[in-house]
């Protein structure tokens, strides 16, 4: 069920209306029912996978709790063996976590990466594994990561496991977020899902307001830019120079409007139920470094990787020994930074793999990881050069330079993200440099990419609105609070202008069938 469909809007209206009519103690049950109706609408066969993840994670959490109780009883019987008992039971808990992680990440890998692995095995070893037609369940990457984060937190003793399987099922399947995140944390989300909410017209208004802004970004900006993207990336061998750059810049707009717009729709729909999801998008094109970019783009994926991959790996015994070796042979700075760089490369390799089963995504991830690692490793050199060249690194002009530099680096990464293959991405990069001709700006070539002058004008106008709003937000101005302070007629003027801009300025075509991140 697409978030862009009338069916979804009617579904949401029914869900919200019933949520505030039924007894409050049953509100979480209502959400669970509607979440599974939403999931069943994507295909009944996929339900078995989300049920498997729910059941194995729920039982794994209870098993960990049972192991802790067994340890407590063993310590009471034999307190003199405290160290040995703790070590034995800790190892037992690790095996429980490993088993559940293996089952769930194994399902994800089998469904998402089986054909990619088979193709590469055939290429490298001359085997003859055939491709299989595999079902990719709705939101499998998101609910798998969310569930595994819960299990690891229970293992670490961050909170006790949920003892109600149906309530836990709601945590895994909450329908607004299952399509494309954000990846929630149990301690911040569960209490909101299970809490009792009274009706609030202000809450509904703010939720619909955010959804409307999200639809504006998606339909007016992303889907119009997608026309150029489809033409340039779909016929990449035919375009050179500025026309390739136009395609990449339009993809930058498309992805920004699509992802941030999708997050606004999800956050707004959740807000209608009185549920605040974790922020997942914070104006990433204002980032001043690639590291800063990833603190603003898909925030919950980044924090998941940081908490469950980066820190465990970088603080492991092996990396600690490696750091000591580096200190002895290369100095204090390298010993402190190099293990972090290696951990970052691992994280971004996994980020690339998470995006899809293709070498282009792996290169996309490593590209970002290498830039971040190099920035950390050579930070002292950059500092020395800035002082020698008398660069005012804290000034606004230099801040603008850093933003533009980061935007350029990010746009280079989009070649790998959007091109149909790694080879296509490299060809497009070559074509960007060769055949560079400024005359295409005036000879009508841009009008052969699928948009006419009115389309480009609408895109420019909508981007100007988005930039103005984002700039105010970046300067700590709360647009929503400022709007809430206005009289009702003024607020509705803004709402109606935004609402009518969607059909008048929006690009409602076959290219805008859904949100890009829903495919993950």
Foldseek 3Di string as FASTA:
>chain_A
DFPPDPVVVVLLVVLLVVLQVDPQQCNLVSLLVSLVVLQCVVPVVLVVLLVVLLVLLQVLLVVLVVLVVVLVVVCVVPVVCNVVSVVVSLVVNVVSLVVSLCVLVVVVCCQFAVQLVVVVCCVPPVDDDDDDDHDDGFLSLQLSLLSSLASVCSSVVVDHRDPDSSLSSCVSRRRLASLFDDRAHCVQFSCLSSGGDHADPVLLVQLVVLLLQLLCLQFQQQLLLLLLLCLCLVPVLVAFAPSLVSNLVSNVSNQVSQVSSSVSNSQSSCSSSVGGGDDQAAPLLLALALVSSCCGHRPSLVVSCCVPQLVCQCVDPVNLVVLVVCCVPPNDQCSVQVSSLVSLQVSLCVVLVSLHSAVLSSVLSNLSSVRVSVCSSCVVVVVVVCVVVVPPCPDPVNSVVSSVVRNVSVSLSVLSVSRPHPVSSVSSVVRNPPPHDPCCVPPCVVVVSRDDPVLVVSNVVSVVVVVVVSVCVVVVHDPVVVLVPDDPVVNVVVVVVSVVCSVVSTDDDPSSPHRPSSVD
